[in-house]
Structure formats: C-alpha cells, structure tokens
Amino acid sequence: MATGKRFQGIVRSVTLSKEDMAHLLTMPLDEIDEWSPVRVALLPDRGAVAQAMATSMVNKIKENNALGRITTFILPVGPTAQYPLAAQISNAERVSWRNVWTFNMDEYLDWQGRPIPEEHPMSFHGAMKRALFDQLDSELAIPDSQRWFPDPFDPDAIDKKIEEVTSGEGVDICYGGIGEHGHVAFNEAAGLMAHYTHLTPDEFKNSKTRVLPHLNPETWARALRSPLYTLCPPGAVTLGMKAILGAKRIELATEGVVARIAAMHPPTMDYPVTFIQEHPNPKETVTLYLARGA
C-alpha cells in the first residue's frame, strides 16, 4: 500500500452538538448580539424593523446625493413594508432617487421558465412598482433604466451591470429578508446538488445569477400556507451569493428561529445566510434587524 498519499477533504457541512443547538435556540434575545459575529439590532416589532430599514435607505441616498455619488442597492420582495415608508420620507423631504440603481434579488418563473407577468399577484416586478417605484413623486423617482431584475434569458446581465456601476466594489447596501430554512434570495441549501456536483462552499459563495427551474420543496411548503398557494409559480431566477456577499454592507430583517441561526450558527451551506458572518468586519458591516415581538 502506498504511503503518504491522501486526498485533502473539503468541509461542506457544519453543525452543532445537540447541547449547543439547544442553547442557541433558547438563549434570551438580549444575549444574541454578544454571541454573534454580526450586529444584531433588537427592535420592538416588525413595524420598527420596517422603519429602521426605510431610514437606512433614505439616509444612504441623502449621503451619496450630497457627495455627488450614485447609490446602489440590492433589494428584496420580502420584506416590503419598508418601501412605502422610504417613499413617504423621500417625498416629504424631497430626497431624489434619480441617481439610485436598484438590483432586485429574484423573480418567479412559470412552468415554461418565463417570468410571470407583472399582473400576477406574486410578481416581484409588480410588488416593487406598487410598494416603491410608483410611490415616489415623479420628479424624484428612479429612471426605468436603473431598475434591474435578474433575466432568465440573460442571467449574466445583472451581474455585469452591478460590476460596471460599482466599479467592481459591490453595491452600497444589500437589503433582504431570510427564508425559513436560511436562504437569501433563492439561494437555498444546496442539498443533492452539492452531493452530485461536488459543490464546495467557496463555489457556492461565488455563485452567479442563475435559473432555478424547480424551487426547494420547503419553499413550496411555505407557499401552501398562503391563500395564493394555487398560483405559486414553480421556478425562479435569482441573484447568486457573490453579488449579495460582495455588497459593502448587508442589512437583513429577521425573526424567530432563523434569526438565531443567521446570527450564531457557524457558517455552513446548510443555512446559506450564515455566510454573512464571514463578511469583512461583520460587526460593523452586517446588521440583522430582529423583531422582538414578532
């Protein structure tokens, strides 16, 4: 038998002992920030979370407008309560969004892989128009050419545009929510894909915009709780982890069990959101807005 010859393994999944997981899941909310590599802002309820995110958005735009710079955001549909608040503040204070570029995280696709129409009740294009784009006064509003969504027929286009307008430095702030099983956008736990493609954590963290013909069954299970479940599209197109993790700042709204996992579980492909803990100087550049009363 040959000696000294071994393949070097790559750790793909990280977990906790049952004792540590129990501690993570039962720890008092006020102690989470102390245990987390990222900043955990504990707020009274979802309304306060929405207000904090809206204020963050408007303040960044005001800061960049004063410096003559463009503003670049990655935006979610979920949560959306922050958008009307941001529009109200901006209209009242005459804060212009004319130099803002928005890059939405994702959009649903129908059974033939086409984006669902804006009139569909689950359309993210439609949701953004109703919650934000059409809420801004016309003279303050974002030009249509600066409102970007991932395109299933040209998935590289949005990544290239982010690279172009940010000079490769990443967007100013990535806002978002966290899915119940730890996904950000539709970057879900890799599961069988990791097994059959030998996908490594580094490859996953550098993933680009891509089409998902079939959503994770757990995502479908969530949809079944909605009165619109019969309309839930089967697929999606999503920004990859590279653009999200490459943002200069990351600010996510969260609550419940997944908030604890995002904040404290060691980074793992099993819960993609945990990779935010590896962001440069995460206590200063990553914020989880945690609703206490949710």
Protein backbone atom coordinates (compact mmCIF):
# COMPACT_ATOMS: atom_id res chain seq x y z
CA MET A 1 0.00 0.00 0.00
CA ALA A 2 1.34 3.43 -0.95
CA THR A 3 2.15 5.67 1.97
CA GLY A 4 1.87 9.43 2.28
CA LYS A 5 -0.78 9.74 -0.42
CA ARG A 6 -4.13 11.11 0.68
CA PHE A 7 -6.78 13.34 -0.87
CA GLN A 8 -7.49 16.55 1.02
CA GLY A 9 -11.13 16.76 2.05
CA ILE A 10 -13.26 19.88 1.92
CA VAL A 11 -15.68 20.52 4.77
CA ARG A 12 -19.05 21.13 3.17
CA SER A 13 -21.43 20.99 6.12
CA VAL A 14 -21.00 22.23 9.68
CA THR A 15 -23.35 21.54 12.55
CA LEU A 16 -23.59 21.95 16.32
CA SER A 17 -23.93 19.47 19.12
CA LYS A 18 -27.45 18.94 20.42
CA GLU A 19 -26.48 20.79 23.59
CA ASP A 20 -25.13 23.82 21.73
CA MET A 21 -28.11 23.88 19.37
CA ALA A 22 -30.46 23.83 22.35
CA HIS A 23 -28.54 26.77 23.85
CA LEU A 24 -28.70 28.67 20.56
CA LEU A 25 -32.45 28.12 20.25
CA THR A 26 -33.33 29.08 23.84
CA MET A 27 -30.90 31.90 24.57
CA PRO A 28 -32.59 35.15 25.71
CA LEU A 29 -32.92 37.58 22.80
CA ASP A 30 -30.90 40.23 24.62
CA GLU A 31 -27.83 37.95 24.65
CA ILE A 32 -27.76 37.13 20.91
CA ASP A 33 -25.72 40.16 19.85
CA GLU A 34 -22.96 39.22 22.30
CA TRP A 35 -22.73 35.75 20.75
CA SER A 36 -22.96 36.87 17.12
CA PRO A 37 -20.12 37.92 14.79
CA VAL A 38 -22.60 40.35 13.15
CA ARG A 39 -24.52 43.24 14.70
CA VAL A 40 -27.96 42.22 15.97
CA ALA A 41 -30.29 45.19 16.38
CA LEU A 42 -33.16 44.10 18.63
CA LEU A 43 -36.29 46.13 17.82
CA PRO A 44 -39.80 46.07 19.34
CA ASP A 45 -41.76 44.70 16.37
CA ARG A 46 -41.95 44.36 12.58
CA GLY A 47 -43.08 47.95 12.24
CA ALA A 48 -39.89 49.16 13.91
CA VAL A 49 -37.83 46.90 11.63
CA ALA A 50 -39.51 48.37 8.56
CA GLN A 51 -38.88 51.90 9.85
CA ALA A 52 -35.21 51.13 10.50
CA MET A 53 -34.70 49.76 7.00
CA ALA A 54 -36.55 52.68 5.39
CA THR A 55 -34.47 55.18 7.34
CA SER A 56 -31.27 53.37 6.38
CA MET A 57 -32.20 53.50 2.69
CA VAL A 58 -33.07 57.18 2.68
CA ASN A 59 -30.05 58.19 4.75
CA LYS A 60 -27.69 56.42 2.34
CA ILE A 61 -29.28 58.16 -0.63
CA LYS A 62 -29.03 61.54 1.08
CA GLU A 63 -25.39 60.89 1.96
CA ASN A 64 -24.47 59.95 -1.60
CA ASN A 65 -26.53 62.75 -3.17
CA ALA A 66 -24.61 65.28 -1.05
CA LEU A 67 -21.34 63.82 -2.32
CA GLY A 68 -22.48 63.66 -5.95
CA ARG A 69 -22.34 59.85 -6.00
CA ILE A 70 -24.75 57.26 -7.27
CA THR A 71 -26.43 54.92 -4.78
CA THR A 72 -26.64 51.19 -5.40
CA PHE A 73 -28.95 48.78 -3.57
CA ILE A 74 -29.79 45.10 -3.82
CA LEU A 75 -33.45 44.84 -2.84
CA PRO A 76 -35.84 42.04 -1.84
CA VAL A 77 -39.53 41.42 -2.15
CA GLY A 78 -39.96 40.15 1.37
CA PRO A 79 -39.96 42.22 3.40
CA THR A 80 -41.65 45.12 1.57
CA ALA A 81 -43.13 47.21 4.40
CA GLN A 82 -40.05 49.45 4.37
CA TYR A 83 -40.67 50.68 0.83
CA PRO A 84 -43.80 52.84 1.31
CA LEU A 85 -42.14 54.34 4.40
CA ALA A 86 -38.99 55.19 2.42
CA ALA A 87 -41.11 56.75 -0.32
CA GLN A 88 -43.08 58.81 2.22
CA ILE A 89 -39.90 60.14 3.83
CA SER A 90 -38.38 60.91 0.44
CA ASN A 91 -41.46 62.69 -0.88
CA ALA A 92 -41.78 64.75 2.30
CA GLU A 93 -38.09 65.69 2.42
CA ARG A 94 -37.68 65.93 -1.39
CA VAL A 95 -34.95 63.29 -1.47
CA SER A 96 -34.19 62.45 -5.08
CA TRP A 97 -33.79 58.84 -6.21
CA ARG A 98 -32.74 59.89 -9.72
CA ASN A 99 -29.18 58.64 -9.11
CA VAL A 100 -30.24 55.39 -7.43
CA TRP A 101 -29.67 52.00 -9.06
CA THR A 102 -31.69 49.08 -7.71
CA PHE A 103 -30.97 45.40 -8.32
CA ASN A 104 -33.77 43.13 -7.22
CA MET A 105 -32.82 39.73 -5.87
CA ASP A 106 -35.17 37.49 -7.79
CA GLU A 107 -38.36 36.83 -9.70
CA TYR A 108 -40.70 33.88 -10.10
CA LEU A 109 -40.84 31.89 -13.33
CA ASP A 110 -43.76 29.96 -14.76
CA TRP A 111 -43.70 26.28 -15.77
CA GLN A 112 -42.08 27.21 -19.09
CA GLY A 113 -39.28 29.19 -17.46
CA ARG A 114 -40.70 32.60 -18.35
CA PRO A 115 -41.06 35.46 -15.85
CA ILE A 116 -44.61 35.68 -14.57
CA PRO A 117 -46.46 38.84 -15.72
CA GLU A 118 -46.49 41.93 -13.53
CA GLU A 119 -50.24 41.49 -13.09
CA HIS A 120 -49.70 38.15 -11.34
CA PRO A 121 -50.34 38.56 -7.57
CA MET A 122 -46.93 37.02 -6.79
CA SER A 123 -44.91 39.06 -9.30
CA PHE A 124 -41.91 40.76 -7.74
CA HIS A 125 -41.86 43.34 -10.57
CA GLY A 126 -45.45 44.22 -9.72
CA ALA A 127 -44.78 44.29 -5.98
CA MET A 128 -41.87 46.72 -6.38
CA LYS A 129 -43.93 49.06 -8.52
CA ARG A 130 -46.78 49.10 -6.03
CA ALA A 131 -44.65 49.39 -2.89
CA LEU A 132 -41.84 51.71 -4.02
CA PHE A 133 -41.33 52.73 -7.63
CA ASP A 134 -44.83 54.18 -8.17
CA GLN A 135 -44.93 55.64 -4.64
CA LEU A 136 -42.15 58.14 -5.32
CA ASP A 137 -43.12 61.52 -6.76
CA SER A 138 -42.33 61.51 -10.49
CA GLU A 139 -39.58 64.12 -10.26
CA LEU A 140 -37.84 62.07 -7.53
CA ALA A 141 -38.34 58.60 -8.99
CA ILE A 142 -35.74 56.11 -10.20
CA PRO A 143 -35.41 56.07 -14.01
CA ASP A 144 -36.68 52.83 -15.52
CA SER A 145 -33.23 52.05 -16.93
CA GLN A 146 -31.79 51.98 -13.39
CA ARG A 147 -34.29 49.41 -12.04
CA TRP A 148 -32.84 45.96 -12.65
CA PHE A 149 -34.17 42.45 -12.16
CA PRO A 150 -32.43 39.16 -12.98
CA ASP A 151 -33.26 37.98 -16.50
CA PRO A 152 -33.65 34.21 -17.02
CA PHE A 153 -32.68 34.60 -20.68
CA ASP A 154 -29.52 36.62 -19.90
CA PRO A 155 -28.57 35.75 -16.32
CA ASP A 156 -25.12 37.35 -16.60
CA ALA A 157 -26.55 40.78 -17.47
CA ILE A 158 -27.39 41.89 -13.93
CA ASP A 159 -24.05 40.70 -12.52
CA LYS A 160 -22.23 42.61 -15.26
CA LYS A 161 -24.25 45.75 -14.58
CA ILE A 162 -23.51 45.58 -10.85
CA GLU A 163 -19.83 45.15 -11.68
CA GLU A 164 -19.98 48.10 -14.09
CA VAL A 165 -21.82 50.67 -11.98
CA THR A 166 -19.95 49.84 -8.77
CA SER A 167 -16.53 49.57 -10.45
CA GLY A 168 -16.24 46.09 -9.01
CA GLU A 169 -16.60 47.27 -5.40
CA GLY A 170 -20.08 45.86 -4.76
CA VAL A 171 -23.34 47.68 -4.10
CA ASP A 172 -23.60 50.13 -1.23
CA ILE A 173 -26.11 48.04 0.73
CA CYS A 174 -27.79 44.69 0.21
CA TYR A 175 -31.16 44.62 1.97
CA GLY A 176 -33.18 41.46 2.42
CA GLY A 177 -35.10 39.02 4.50
CA ILE A 178 -34.22 35.45 5.42
CA GLY A 179 -36.12 32.40 4.28
CA GLU A 180 -37.35 29.93 6.87
CA HIS A 181 -34.62 27.43 6.05
CA GLY A 182 -31.87 30.02 5.90
CA HIS A 183 -31.93 31.11 2.29
CA VAL A 184 -31.18 34.60 0.97
CA ALA A 185 -32.92 35.44 -2.31
CA PHE A 186 -33.47 31.92 -3.72
CA ASN A 187 -30.01 30.75 -2.69
CA GLU A 188 -31.25 27.71 -0.84
CA ALA A 189 -29.32 24.93 0.88
CA ALA A 190 -27.58 23.07 -1.93
CA GLY A 191 -28.69 19.59 -0.82
CA LEU A 192 -28.50 16.93 -3.52
CA MET A 193 -26.93 19.42 -5.93
CA ALA A 194 -23.87 19.57 -3.66
CA HIS A 195 -23.74 15.78 -3.49
CA TYR A 196 -23.89 15.10 -7.22
CA THR A 197 -21.81 18.07 -8.43
CA HIS A 198 -19.24 18.06 -5.58
CA LEU A 199 -20.17 21.70 -4.99
CA THR A 200 -17.87 23.31 -2.45
CA PRO A 201 -18.70 26.18 -0.06
CA ASP A 202 -16.36 28.51 -1.97
CA GLU A 203 -18.11 27.71 -5.25
CA PHE A 204 -21.49 28.30 -3.62
CA LYS A 205 -20.41 31.63 -2.12
CA ASN A 206 -19.19 32.72 -5.56
CA SER A 207 -22.37 31.63 -7.34
CA LYS A 208 -23.70 33.92 -10.07
CA THR A 209 -27.23 34.74 -11.13
CA ARG A 210 -28.97 31.55 -12.24
CA VAL A 211 -32.27 29.95 -13.12
CA LEU A 212 -33.96 27.51 -10.72
CA PRO A 213 -36.50 25.50 -12.73
CA HIS A 214 -37.92 23.93 -9.57
CA LEU A 215 -37.95 25.54 -6.15
CA ASN A 216 -36.96 23.72 -2.99
CA PRO A 217 -39.90 21.65 -1.63
CA GLU A 218 -39.64 23.57 1.66
CA THR A 219 -40.22 26.81 -0.24
CA TRP A 220 -43.28 25.25 -1.79
CA ALA A 221 -44.44 24.14 1.65
CA ARG A 222 -44.34 27.78 2.79
CA ALA A 223 -46.41 28.78 -0.22
CA LEU A 224 -49.07 26.26 0.77
CA ARG A 225 -49.83 28.40 3.83
CA SER A 226 -50.80 31.32 1.62
CA PRO A 227 -54.29 31.84 0.16
CA LEU A 228 -52.45 32.25 -3.17
CA TYR A 229 -50.84 28.81 -2.96
CA THR A 230 -52.54 27.52 -6.11
CA LEU A 231 -50.89 30.37 -8.00
CA CYS A 232 -47.36 29.79 -6.68
CA PRO A 233 -45.03 29.58 -9.69
CA PRO A 234 -42.74 26.54 -9.79
CA GLY A 235 -39.43 28.25 -10.58
CA ALA A 236 -37.39 31.39 -10.14
CA VAL A 237 -34.36 33.34 -11.30
CA THR A 238 -32.11 34.59 -8.52
CA LEU A 239 -29.03 36.64 -7.86
CA GLY A 240 -26.20 34.40 -6.70
CA MET A 241 -24.38 34.64 -3.40
CA LYS A 242 -21.44 36.50 -4.94
CA ALA A 243 -23.33 39.75 -5.53
CA ILE A 244 -25.05 39.55 -2.15
CA LEU A 245 -21.95 38.77 -0.09
CA GLY A 246 -19.98 41.29 -2.17
CA ALA A 247 -22.09 44.22 -1.00
CA LYS A 248 -20.28 46.81 1.10
CA ARG A 249 -22.98 46.47 3.75
CA ILE A 250 -25.66 43.84 4.38
CA GLU A 251 -28.86 44.59 6.31
CA LEU A 252 -31.45 41.84 6.80
CA ALA A 253 -34.83 41.76 8.52
CA THR A 254 -35.44 38.62 10.53
CA GLU A 255 -37.29 36.96 13.38
CA GLY A 256 -37.81 33.60 15.03
CA VAL A 257 -35.57 30.55 14.82
CA VAL A 258 -33.89 31.55 11.57
CA ALA A 259 -32.70 34.80 13.17
CA ARG A 260 -30.79 32.81 15.76
CA ILE A 261 -29.27 30.57 13.10
CA ALA A 262 -28.26 33.52 10.93
CA ALA A 263 -26.68 35.28 13.89
CA MET A 264 -24.94 32.43 15.69
CA HIS A 265 -24.78 29.11 13.81
CA PRO A 266 -21.31 28.55 12.33
CA PRO A 267 -21.21 29.26 8.57
CA THR A 268 -22.46 26.32 6.54
CA MET A 269 -24.07 25.53 3.21
CA ASP A 270 -26.95 24.01 5.18
CA TYR A 271 -28.03 27.57 6.06
CA PRO A 272 -26.71 29.89 3.32
CA VAL A 273 -27.44 33.07 5.29
CA THR A 274 -24.77 32.08 7.83
CA PHE A 275 -22.10 33.08 5.30
CA ILE A 276 -22.82 36.74 6.14
CA GLN A 277 -20.76 36.11 9.28
CA GLU A 278 -17.66 35.93 7.06
CA HIS A 279 -18.18 39.45 5.67
CA PRO A 280 -15.21 41.77 6.27
CA ASN A 281 -15.51 43.34 9.74
CA PRO A 282 -19.02 41.90 10.15
CA LYS A 283 -19.85 43.65 13.43
CA GLU A 284 -19.58 46.94 11.55
CA THR A 285 -20.82 45.95 8.08
CA VAL A 286 -23.64 43.45 8.69
CA THR A 287 -26.84 44.18 10.62
CA LEU A 288 -29.68 41.83 11.47
CA TYR A 289 -32.84 43.73 12.40
CA LEU A 290 -34.54 41.34 14.82
CA ALA A 291 -38.19 41.94 15.70
CA ARG A 292 -38.68 41.16 19.37
CA GLY A 293 -42.47 41.00 19.28
CA ALA A 294 -42.91 39.03 16.03
